[in-house]
Amino acid sequence: MDFGDGRDIKGHAYNKKEFLLPEGLHSCAFYQTKIEEDGVHYKVRIHDCNRGICLNGDLSTKLGRREAVNKLNALINGLGEFRDFIYNNYLIYDCKAT
């Protein structure tokens, strides 16, 4: 697949996997972000020890690439708001106690 200007994205593979609690002895929770070797198909996986979710998409069209970025932005924004809520309503009390 190319962008129509001679640039070929085949081979632009990406694969990153990180444990969410790397210091946890019993934690198997992780996330993985991956673009397949074809440079077209991607997935974002988030797993805890029992369940997981997977976002899939196709980067071969302008619409698909825009949708990928929009999905990721929505997820990043939502997780950031959730993190802030937990900090402001729960964790902040732990910080004040020390």
N, C-alpha and C. Protein backbone atom coordinates (compact mmCIF):
# COMPACT_ATOMS: atom_id res chain seq x y z
N MET A 1 0.84 -1.17 0.00
CA MET A 1 0.00 0.00 0.00
C MET A 1 0.88 1.23 0.00
N ASP A 2 0.48 2.25 -0.75
CA ASP A 2 1.22 3.50 -0.69
C ASP A 2 0.24 4.65 -0.52
N PHE A 3 0.80 5.82 -0.26
CA PHE A 3 0.00 7.02 -0.02
C PHE A 3 -0.36 7.74 -1.31
N GLY A 4 0.02 7.20 -2.45
CA GLY A 4 -0.28 7.83 -3.72
C GLY A 4 0.82 8.77 -4.18
N ASP A 5 1.86 8.94 -3.38
CA ASP A 5 2.96 9.83 -3.76
C ASP A 5 4.28 9.07 -3.81
N GLY A 6 4.19 7.75 -3.92
CA GLY A 6 5.39 6.94 -4.03
C GLY A 6 5.89 6.37 -2.71
N ARG A 7 5.38 6.87 -1.59
CA ARG A 7 5.81 6.33 -0.30
C ARG A 7 5.08 5.03 -0.03
N ASP A 8 5.84 3.99 0.22
CA ASP A 8 5.26 2.68 0.52
C ASP A 8 5.33 2.46 2.03
N ILE A 9 4.20 2.12 2.64
CA ILE A 9 4.20 1.91 4.09
C ILE A 9 4.36 0.45 4.46
N LYS A 10 4.43 -0.43 3.48
CA LYS A 10 4.64 -1.84 3.80
C LYS A 10 5.95 -1.98 4.56
N GLY A 11 5.92 -2.74 5.61
CA GLY A 11 7.12 -2.92 6.41
C GLY A 11 7.24 -1.94 7.56
N HIS A 12 6.31 -1.00 7.68
CA HIS A 12 6.32 -0.09 8.82
C HIS A 12 5.62 -0.75 10.01
N ALA A 13 6.12 -1.89 10.39
CA ALA A 13 5.54 -2.63 11.50
C ALA A 13 5.90 -1.96 12.82
N TYR A 14 5.05 -2.15 13.80
CA TYR A 14 5.25 -1.58 15.13
C TYR A 14 4.69 -2.59 16.12
N ASN A 15 5.40 -2.82 17.19
CA ASN A 15 4.91 -3.76 18.19
C ASN A 15 5.49 -3.39 19.55
N LYS A 16 4.63 -2.97 20.46
CA LYS A 16 5.08 -2.65 21.81
C LYS A 16 4.13 -3.29 22.80
N LYS A 17 4.71 -3.96 23.78
CA LYS A 17 3.93 -4.59 24.83
C LYS A 17 4.58 -4.24 26.16
N GLU A 18 3.78 -3.75 27.09
CA GLU A 18 4.28 -3.37 28.41
C GLU A 18 3.34 -3.91 29.48
N PHE A 19 3.91 -4.39 30.57
CA PHE A 19 3.11 -4.78 31.71
C PHE A 19 2.67 -3.52 32.46
N LEU A 20 1.44 -3.50 32.94
CA LEU A 20 0.90 -2.32 33.61
C LEU A 20 1.46 -2.16 35.02
N LEU A 21 1.76 -3.26 35.67
CA LEU A 21 2.38 -3.24 37.00
C LEU A 21 3.61 -4.14 36.97
N PRO A 22 4.71 -3.66 36.38
CA PRO A 22 5.87 -4.54 36.18
C PRO A 22 6.49 -5.04 37.49
N GLU A 23 6.28 -4.33 38.58
CA GLU A 23 6.85 -4.74 39.86
C GLU A 23 5.94 -5.73 40.60
N GLY A 24 4.69 -5.89 40.12
CA GLY A 24 3.76 -6.78 40.79
C GLY A 24 4.11 -8.24 40.57
N LEU A 25 4.22 -8.98 41.64
CA LEU A 25 4.60 -10.38 41.53
C LEU A 25 3.55 -11.23 40.82
N HIS A 26 2.28 -10.88 40.99
CA HIS A 26 1.21 -11.70 40.44
C HIS A 26 0.43 -10.99 39.34
N SER A 27 0.95 -9.89 38.86
CA SER A 27 0.23 -9.12 37.86
C SER A 27 0.59 -9.56 36.45
N CYS A 28 -0.42 -9.86 35.69
CA CYS A 28 -0.20 -10.20 34.29
C CYS A 28 -0.89 -9.18 33.37
N ALA A 29 -1.34 -8.06 33.94
CA ALA A 29 -2.01 -7.02 33.16
C ALA A 29 -1.01 -6.36 32.22
N PHE A 30 -1.44 -6.13 30.98
CA PHE A 30 -0.55 -5.51 29.99
C PHE A 30 -1.35 -4.76 28.95
N TYR A 31 -0.62 -3.94 28.18
CA TYR A 31 -1.19 -3.38 26.96
C TYR A 31 -0.24 -3.70 25.81
N GLN A 32 -0.79 -3.77 24.62
CA GLN A 32 0.01 -4.00 23.43
C GLN A 32 -0.53 -3.14 22.31
N THR A 33 0.36 -2.45 21.63
CA THR A 33 0.01 -1.68 20.44
C THR A 33 0.81 -2.27 19.29
N LYS A 34 0.11 -2.51 18.18
CA LYS A 34 0.77 -3.25 17.09
C LYS A 34 0.24 -2.81 15.74
N ILE A 35 1.15 -2.59 14.80
CA ILE A 35 0.82 -2.47 13.38
C ILE A 35 1.45 -3.68 12.71
N GLU A 36 0.63 -4.43 12.00
CA GLU A 36 1.09 -5.67 11.37
C GLU A 36 2.16 -5.37 10.31
N GLU A 37 2.87 -6.39 9.91
CA GLU A 37 3.95 -6.23 8.93
C GLU A 37 3.47 -5.69 7.60
N ASP A 38 2.17 -5.83 7.31
CA ASP A 38 1.65 -5.29 6.06
C ASP A 38 1.53 -3.77 6.11
N GLY A 39 1.73 -3.18 7.30
CA GLY A 39 1.64 -1.72 7.44
C GLY A 39 0.24 -1.20 7.38
N VAL A 40 -0.76 -2.06 7.38
CA VAL A 40 -2.15 -1.66 7.17
C VAL A 40 -3.02 -1.93 8.39
N HIS A 41 -2.92 -3.09 8.96
CA HIS A 41 -3.80 -3.48 10.06
C HIS A 41 -3.15 -3.20 11.41
N TYR A 42 -3.94 -2.66 12.32
CA TYR A 42 -3.42 -2.38 13.65
C TYR A 42 -4.35 -2.94 14.70
N LYS A 43 -3.81 -3.07 15.90
CA LYS A 43 -4.62 -3.47 17.06
C LYS A 43 -4.04 -2.83 18.31
N VAL A 44 -4.93 -2.54 19.22
CA VAL A 44 -4.58 -2.06 20.55
C VAL A 44 -5.25 -3.02 21.52
N ARG A 45 -4.46 -3.68 22.34
CA ARG A 45 -5.00 -4.65 23.30
C ARG A 45 -4.71 -4.18 24.72
N ILE A 46 -5.68 -4.33 25.60
CA ILE A 46 -5.52 -4.06 27.02
C ILE A 46 -6.08 -5.27 27.75
N HIS A 47 -5.25 -5.88 28.57
CA HIS A 47 -5.65 -7.10 29.29
C HIS A 47 -5.31 -6.97 30.76
N ASP A 48 -6.21 -7.48 31.60
CA ASP A 48 -5.83 -7.75 32.98
C ASP A 48 -5.67 -9.26 33.07
N CYS A 49 -5.67 -9.79 34.25
CA CYS A 49 -5.44 -11.23 34.38
C CYS A 49 -6.62 -12.08 33.92
N ASN A 50 -7.80 -11.47 33.79
CA ASN A 50 -8.99 -12.25 33.46
C ASN A 50 -9.64 -11.89 32.12
N ARG A 51 -9.57 -10.63 31.73
CA ARG A 51 -10.30 -10.20 30.53
C ARG A 51 -9.46 -9.23 29.71
N GLY A 52 -9.90 -9.01 28.50
CA GLY A 52 -9.21 -8.06 27.65
C GLY A 52 -10.13 -7.42 26.64
N ILE A 53 -9.66 -6.31 26.10
CA ILE A 53 -10.35 -5.67 24.99
C ILE A 53 -9.35 -5.48 23.87
N CYS A 54 -9.86 -5.40 22.66
CA CYS A 54 -8.99 -5.21 21.51
C CYS A 54 -9.67 -4.26 20.54
N LEU A 55 -8.97 -3.19 20.18
CA LEU A 55 -9.42 -2.29 19.12
C LEU A 55 -8.64 -2.67 17.87
N ASN A 56 -9.34 -2.84 16.78
CA ASN A 56 -8.71 -3.18 15.51
C ASN A 56 -9.04 -2.11 14.49
N GLY A 57 -8.20 -1.99 13.51
CA GLY A 57 -8.49 -1.03 12.46
C GLY A 57 -7.61 -1.25 11.25
N ASP A 58 -7.90 -0.45 10.25
CA ASP A 58 -7.26 -0.54 8.94
C ASP A 58 -6.71 0.84 8.60
N LEU A 59 -5.44 0.91 8.28
CA LEU A 59 -4.79 2.18 7.97
C LEU A 59 -4.63 2.41 6.47
N SER A 60 -5.34 1.65 5.65
CA SER A 60 -5.13 1.72 4.20
C SER A 60 -5.86 2.88 3.53
N THR A 61 -6.76 3.56 4.25
CA THR A 61 -7.48 4.70 3.67
C THR A 61 -7.33 5.91 4.57
N LYS A 62 -7.59 7.09 4.01
CA LYS A 62 -7.56 8.32 4.80
C LYS A 62 -8.56 8.23 5.94
N LEU A 63 -9.75 7.72 5.65
CA LEU A 63 -10.78 7.59 6.68
C LEU A 63 -10.32 6.64 7.78
N GLY A 64 -9.74 5.51 7.42
CA GLY A 64 -9.26 4.55 8.41
C GLY A 64 -8.18 5.14 9.29
N ARG A 65 -7.27 5.91 8.70
CA ARG A 65 -6.21 6.53 9.49
C ARG A 65 -6.77 7.60 10.43
N ARG A 66 -7.73 8.38 9.94
CA ARG A 66 -8.38 9.39 10.80
C ARG A 66 -9.13 8.72 11.95
N GLU A 67 -9.84 7.64 11.63
CA GLU A 67 -10.59 6.92 12.67
C GLU A 67 -9.64 6.32 13.71
N ALA A 68 -8.48 5.83 13.29
CA ALA A 68 -7.51 5.28 14.24
C ALA A 68 -7.08 6.36 15.23
N VAL A 69 -6.74 7.53 14.71
CA VAL A 69 -6.31 8.61 15.59
C VAL A 69 -7.45 9.06 16.49
N ASN A 70 -8.67 9.14 15.95
CA ASN A 70 -9.82 9.54 16.77
C ASN A 70 -10.10 8.53 17.88
N LYS A 71 -10.02 7.23 17.58
CA LYS A 71 -10.21 6.21 18.60
C LYS A 71 -9.17 6.36 19.71
N LEU A 72 -7.91 6.52 19.31
CA LEU A 72 -6.84 6.65 20.30
C LEU A 72 -6.98 7.91 21.13
N ASN A 73 -7.34 9.03 20.49
CA ASN A 73 -7.55 10.27 21.24
C ASN A 73 -8.68 10.12 22.25
N ALA A 74 -9.77 9.50 21.85
CA ALA A 74 -10.90 9.31 22.76
C ALA A 74 -10.49 8.44 23.95
N LEU A 75 -9.74 7.38 23.68
CA LEU A 75 -9.29 6.49 24.75
C LEU A 75 -8.32 7.21 25.69
N ILE A 76 -7.36 7.93 25.12
CA ILE A 76 -6.39 8.67 25.93
C ILE A 76 -7.09 9.71 26.79
N ASN A 77 -8.01 10.47 26.20
CA ASN A 77 -8.73 11.50 26.96
C ASN A 77 -9.58 10.88 28.07
N GLY A 78 -10.29 9.81 27.74
CA GLY A 78 -11.14 9.16 28.74
C GLY A 78 -10.33 8.58 29.89
N LEU A 79 -9.20 7.95 29.57
CA LEU A 79 -8.36 7.39 30.63
C LEU A 79 -7.73 8.49 31.48
N GLY A 80 -7.36 9.60 30.86
CA GLY A 80 -6.81 10.73 31.61
C GLY A 80 -7.83 11.31 32.57
N GLU A 81 -9.07 11.46 32.12
CA GLU A 81 -10.13 11.97 33.00
C GLU A 81 -10.39 11.00 34.14
N PHE A 82 -10.39 9.72 33.86
CA PHE A 82 -10.62 8.71 34.89
C PHE A 82 -9.48 8.71 35.92
N ARG A 83 -8.23 8.80 35.43
CA ARG A 83 -7.08 8.89 36.33
C ARG A 83 -7.20 10.10 37.25
N ASP A 84 -7.56 11.25 36.68
CA ASP A 84 -7.70 12.47 37.47
C ASP A 84 -8.81 12.33 38.51
N PHE A 85 -9.91 11.68 38.14
CA PHE A 85 -11.01 11.48 39.07
C PHE A 85 -10.56 10.62 40.26
N ILE A 86 -9.86 9.53 39.96
CA ILE A 86 -9.38 8.66 41.04
C ILE A 86 -8.40 9.42 41.94
N TYR A 87 -7.51 10.18 41.32
CA TYR A 87 -6.55 10.95 42.12
C TYR A 87 -7.27 11.95 43.01
N ASN A 88 -8.18 12.72 42.44
CA ASN A 88 -8.85 13.79 43.17
C ASN A 88 -9.86 13.30 44.20
N ASN A 89 -10.37 12.12 44.03
CA ASN A 89 -11.41 11.62 44.93
C ASN A 89 -10.97 10.47 45.83
N TYR A 90 -9.81 9.90 45.57
CA TYR A 90 -9.35 8.76 46.37
C TYR A 90 -7.89 8.91 46.79
N LEU A 91 -7.01 8.99 45.83
CA LEU A 91 -5.57 8.98 46.12
C LEU A 91 -5.13 10.21 46.89
N ILE A 92 -5.75 11.33 46.67
CA ILE A 92 -5.36 12.56 47.35
C ILE A 92 -5.44 12.41 48.87
N TYR A 93 -6.37 11.60 49.34
CA TYR A 93 -6.50 11.37 50.78
C TYR A 93 -5.31 10.56 51.30
N ASP A 94 -4.79 9.67 50.49
CA ASP A 94 -3.60 8.91 50.88
C ASP A 94 -2.40 9.84 50.99
N CYS A 95 -2.30 10.80 50.07
CA CYS A 95 -1.17 11.74 50.08
C CYS A 95 -1.24 12.66 51.30
N LYS A 96 -2.44 13.07 51.71
CA LYS A 96 -2.60 13.96 52.86
C LYS A 96 -2.30 13.23 54.16
N ALA A 97 -2.48 11.92 54.19
CA ALA A 97 -2.29 11.15 55.42
C ALA A 97 -0.82 10.94 55.75
N THR A 98 0.05 11.13 54.78
CA THR A 98 1.49 10.87 55.04
C THR A 98 2.23 12.12 55.43
